Amino acid sequence: MSERHQLVLDFIKAYIRLHGVAPSYLVIAKGIGLKSKANIHRIVHKLEEEGHLVLRHSRFNSIKVMDRSVKEMAAL
């Protein structure tokens, strides 16, 4: 995982812990110092492909963080 992808994932996790809801792409972009929501969209969808996030499409605050530790332990 690239450094920027990890930064986005960490920001999403921290935001959910603090606010109880997932951040919008605009909030993520501002939070990590990017100007483009399109880059955040691309990164979030890549994180979904890798299994780090689940997106519930057509819902506000639709990002859910997956706890991969359980899946990784089960694979051992």
N, C-alpha and C. Protein backbone atom coordinates (compact mmCIF):
# COMPACT_ATOMS: atom_id res chain seq x y z
N MET A 1 0.86 -1.17 0.00
CA MET A 1 0.00 0.00 0.00
C MET A 1 0.90 1.23 0.00
N SER A 2 0.55 2.19 -0.83
CA SER A 2 1.37 3.40 -0.91
C SER A 2 1.17 4.26 0.34
N GLU A 3 2.09 5.18 0.52
CA GLU A 3 2.03 6.08 1.68
C GLU A 3 0.76 6.93 1.67
N ARG A 4 0.38 7.41 0.49
CA ARG A 4 -0.82 8.24 0.38
C ARG A 4 -2.08 7.43 0.67
N HIS A 5 -2.14 6.19 0.19
CA HIS A 5 -3.29 5.33 0.47
C HIS A 5 -3.41 5.07 1.97
N GLN A 6 -2.27 4.81 2.61
CA GLN A 6 -2.27 4.59 4.06
C GLN A 6 -2.72 5.84 4.79
N LEU A 7 -2.31 7.00 4.31
CA LEU A 7 -2.71 8.27 4.93
C LEU A 7 -4.22 8.46 4.84
N VAL A 8 -4.79 8.16 3.69
CA VAL A 8 -6.25 8.28 3.51
C VAL A 8 -6.97 7.30 4.43
N LEU A 9 -6.52 6.06 4.47
CA LEU A 9 -7.14 5.06 5.33
C LEU A 9 -7.07 5.46 6.80
N ASP A 10 -5.91 5.93 7.23
CA ASP A 10 -5.75 6.37 8.62
C ASP A 10 -6.65 7.56 8.93
N PHE A 11 -6.77 8.49 7.98
CA PHE A 11 -7.63 9.65 8.18
C PHE A 11 -9.09 9.22 8.34
N ILE A 12 -9.53 8.31 7.47
CA ILE A 12 -10.91 7.82 7.54
C ILE A 12 -11.18 7.16 8.88
N LYS A 13 -10.26 6.30 9.33
CA LYS A 13 -10.43 5.63 10.61
C LYS A 13 -10.53 6.63 11.76
N ALA A 14 -9.63 7.60 11.78
CA ALA A 14 -9.61 8.60 12.85
C ALA A 14 -10.87 9.46 12.82
N TYR A 15 -11.32 9.83 11.64
CA TYR A 15 -12.52 10.66 11.51
C TYR A 15 -13.75 9.92 12.02
N ILE A 16 -13.87 8.65 11.67
CA ILE A 16 -15.01 7.86 12.13
C ILE A 16 -14.97 7.72 13.65
N ARG A 17 -13.77 7.51 14.22
CA ARG A 17 -13.65 7.40 15.67
C ARG A 17 -14.09 8.69 16.35
N LEU A 18 -13.71 9.83 15.79
CA LEU A 18 -14.03 11.13 16.39
C LEU A 18 -15.48 11.56 16.19
N HIS A 19 -16.03 11.32 15.00
CA HIS A 19 -17.33 11.87 14.64
C HIS A 19 -18.46 10.83 14.55
N GLY A 20 -18.11 9.57 14.49
CA GLY A 20 -19.13 8.53 14.42
C GLY A 20 -19.71 8.30 13.05
N VAL A 21 -19.29 9.08 12.08
CA VAL A 21 -19.73 8.91 10.68
C VAL A 21 -18.51 9.02 9.77
N ALA A 22 -18.65 8.49 8.58
CA ALA A 22 -17.55 8.55 7.61
C ALA A 22 -17.44 9.95 7.02
N PRO A 23 -16.23 10.37 6.68
CA PRO A 23 -16.04 11.68 6.06
C PRO A 23 -16.41 11.67 4.58
N SER A 24 -16.75 12.83 4.07
CA SER A 24 -16.98 12.97 2.63
C SER A 24 -15.63 13.04 1.93
N TYR A 25 -15.64 12.90 0.62
CA TYR A 25 -14.40 13.01 -0.14
C TYR A 25 -13.77 14.39 0.03
N LEU A 26 -14.59 15.42 0.10
CA LEU A 26 -14.09 16.78 0.30
C LEU A 26 -13.40 16.91 1.65
N VAL A 27 -13.98 16.35 2.69
CA VAL A 27 -13.38 16.41 4.02
C VAL A 27 -12.06 15.64 4.04
N ILE A 28 -12.02 14.48 3.40
CA ILE A 28 -10.77 13.72 3.33
C ILE A 28 -9.70 14.53 2.61
N ALA A 29 -10.06 15.11 1.47
CA ALA A 29 -9.10 15.89 0.69
C ALA A 29 -8.53 17.04 1.52
N LYS A 30 -9.40 17.79 2.18
CA LYS A 30 -8.93 18.90 3.00
C LYS A 30 -8.11 18.40 4.19
N GLY A 31 -8.51 17.28 4.75
CA GLY A 31 -7.83 16.74 5.92
C GLY A 31 -6.41 16.28 5.66
N ILE A 32 -6.14 15.83 4.45
CA ILE A 32 -4.78 15.37 4.15
C ILE A 32 -4.03 16.34 3.24
N GLY A 33 -4.66 17.47 2.96
CA GLY A 33 -3.96 18.51 2.20
C GLY A 33 -4.00 18.38 0.70
N LEU A 34 -5.00 17.72 0.16
CA LEU A 34 -5.17 17.63 -1.30
C LEU A 34 -6.28 18.57 -1.73
N LYS A 35 -6.26 18.96 -2.99
CA LYS A 35 -7.30 19.85 -3.51
C LYS A 35 -8.34 19.11 -4.34
N SER A 36 -8.00 17.93 -4.82
CA SER A 36 -8.86 17.22 -5.76
C SER A 36 -9.65 16.10 -5.09
N LYS A 37 -10.98 16.20 -5.19
CA LYS A 37 -11.83 15.10 -4.71
C LYS A 37 -11.69 13.89 -5.62
N ALA A 38 -11.33 14.11 -6.88
CA ALA A 38 -11.18 13.00 -7.83
C ALA A 38 -10.06 12.06 -7.39
N ASN A 39 -8.97 12.61 -6.88
CA ASN A 39 -7.89 11.76 -6.38
C ASN A 39 -8.35 10.94 -5.18
N ILE A 40 -9.12 11.56 -4.30
CA ILE A 40 -9.65 10.84 -3.14
C ILE A 40 -10.59 9.72 -3.60
N HIS A 41 -11.43 10.02 -4.57
CA HIS A 41 -12.34 9.02 -5.13
C HIS A 41 -11.55 7.82 -5.64
N ARG A 42 -10.50 8.08 -6.39
CA ARG A 42 -9.66 7.01 -6.95
C ARG A 42 -9.01 6.19 -5.83
N ILE A 43 -8.48 6.86 -4.82
CA ILE A 43 -7.81 6.17 -3.72
C ILE A 43 -8.81 5.34 -2.91
N VAL A 44 -9.96 5.91 -2.61
CA VAL A 44 -10.97 5.20 -1.82
C VAL A 44 -11.45 3.95 -2.56
N HIS A 45 -11.65 4.06 -3.86
CA HIS A 45 -12.08 2.90 -4.63
C HIS A 45 -10.98 1.84 -4.72
N LYS A 46 -9.73 2.26 -4.76
CA LYS A 46 -8.62 1.32 -4.74
C LYS A 46 -8.56 0.60 -3.39
N LEU A 47 -8.79 1.34 -2.30
CA LEU A 47 -8.82 0.74 -0.97
C LEU A 47 -9.98 -0.25 -0.85
N GLU A 48 -11.08 0.04 -1.53
CA GLU A 48 -12.21 -0.89 -1.54
C GLU A 48 -11.82 -2.17 -2.29
N GLU A 49 -11.17 -2.03 -3.43
CA GLU A 49 -10.73 -3.19 -4.21
C GLU A 49 -9.80 -4.08 -3.39
N GLU A 50 -8.95 -3.45 -2.56
CA GLU A 50 -7.99 -4.19 -1.75
C GLU A 50 -8.62 -4.77 -0.48
N GLY A 51 -9.89 -4.44 -0.23
CA GLY A 51 -10.59 -5.00 0.92
C GLY A 51 -10.44 -4.23 2.22
N HIS A 52 -9.89 -3.02 2.15
CA HIS A 52 -9.73 -2.21 3.36
C HIS A 52 -11.01 -1.46 3.73
N LEU A 53 -11.83 -1.19 2.74
CA LEU A 53 -13.06 -0.43 2.94
C LEU A 53 -14.22 -1.13 2.24
N VAL A 54 -15.42 -0.82 2.70
CA VAL A 54 -16.64 -1.22 1.99
C VAL A 54 -17.40 0.07 1.71
N LEU A 55 -17.81 0.25 0.47
CA LEU A 55 -18.58 1.43 0.09
C LEU A 55 -20.02 1.01 -0.11
N ARG A 56 -20.91 1.73 0.54
CA ARG A 56 -22.34 1.50 0.35
C ARG A 56 -22.81 2.60 -0.60
N HIS A 57 -22.84 2.27 -1.86
CA HIS A 57 -23.10 3.25 -2.91
C HIS A 57 -24.47 3.90 -2.76
N SER A 58 -24.56 5.13 -3.18
CA SER A 58 -25.76 5.96 -3.15
C SER A 58 -26.26 6.22 -1.74
N ARG A 59 -25.35 6.28 -0.78
CA ARG A 59 -25.70 6.64 0.59
C ARG A 59 -24.73 7.71 1.06
N PHE A 60 -25.22 8.64 1.84
CA PHE A 60 -24.36 9.67 2.41
C PHE A 60 -23.46 9.03 3.46
N ASN A 61 -22.22 9.46 3.54
CA ASN A 61 -21.24 8.88 4.46
C ASN A 61 -21.22 7.36 4.33
N SER A 62 -20.92 6.91 3.13
CA SER A 62 -21.10 5.51 2.78
C SER A 62 -19.85 4.65 2.95
N ILE A 63 -18.82 5.15 3.62
CA ILE A 63 -17.58 4.40 3.76
C ILE A 63 -17.60 3.62 5.08
N LYS A 64 -17.24 2.35 5.00
CA LYS A 64 -17.13 1.52 6.20
C LYS A 64 -15.74 0.88 6.18
N VAL A 65 -15.02 0.99 7.29
CA VAL A 65 -13.68 0.41 7.39
C VAL A 65 -13.81 -1.05 7.76
N MET A 66 -13.07 -1.89 7.07
CA MET A 66 -13.07 -3.33 7.34
C MET A 66 -11.94 -3.66 8.30
N ASP A 67 -12.22 -4.53 9.26
CA ASP A 67 -11.20 -5.01 10.17
C ASP A 67 -10.57 -6.23 9.53
N ARG A 68 -9.44 -6.01 8.91
CA ARG A 68 -8.79 -7.09 8.17
C ARG A 68 -8.06 -8.06 9.07
N SER A 69 -7.81 -7.70 10.32
CA SER A 69 -7.04 -8.56 11.21
C SER A 69 -7.72 -9.91 11.42
N VAL A 70 -9.04 -9.93 11.49
CA VAL A 70 -9.77 -11.18 11.68
C VAL A 70 -9.61 -12.07 10.46
N LYS A 71 -9.74 -11.49 9.28
CA LYS A 71 -9.59 -12.27 8.06
C LYS A 71 -8.16 -12.81 7.93
N GLU A 72 -7.19 -11.97 8.28
CA GLU A 72 -5.79 -12.40 8.17
C GLU A 72 -5.47 -13.51 9.17
N MET A 73 -6.03 -13.44 10.37
CA MET A 73 -5.80 -14.48 11.36
C MET A 73 -6.48 -15.79 10.93
N ALA A 74 -7.64 -15.71 10.34
CA ALA A 74 -8.35 -16.90 9.88
C ALA A 74 -7.61 -17.59 8.75
N ALA A 75 -6.86 -16.80 7.97
CA ALA A 75 -6.12 -17.38 6.85
C ALA A 75 -4.88 -18.14 7.29
N LEU A 76 -4.45 -17.94 8.52
CA LEU A 76 -3.25 -18.64 9.00
C LEU A 76 -3.56 -20.05 9.25
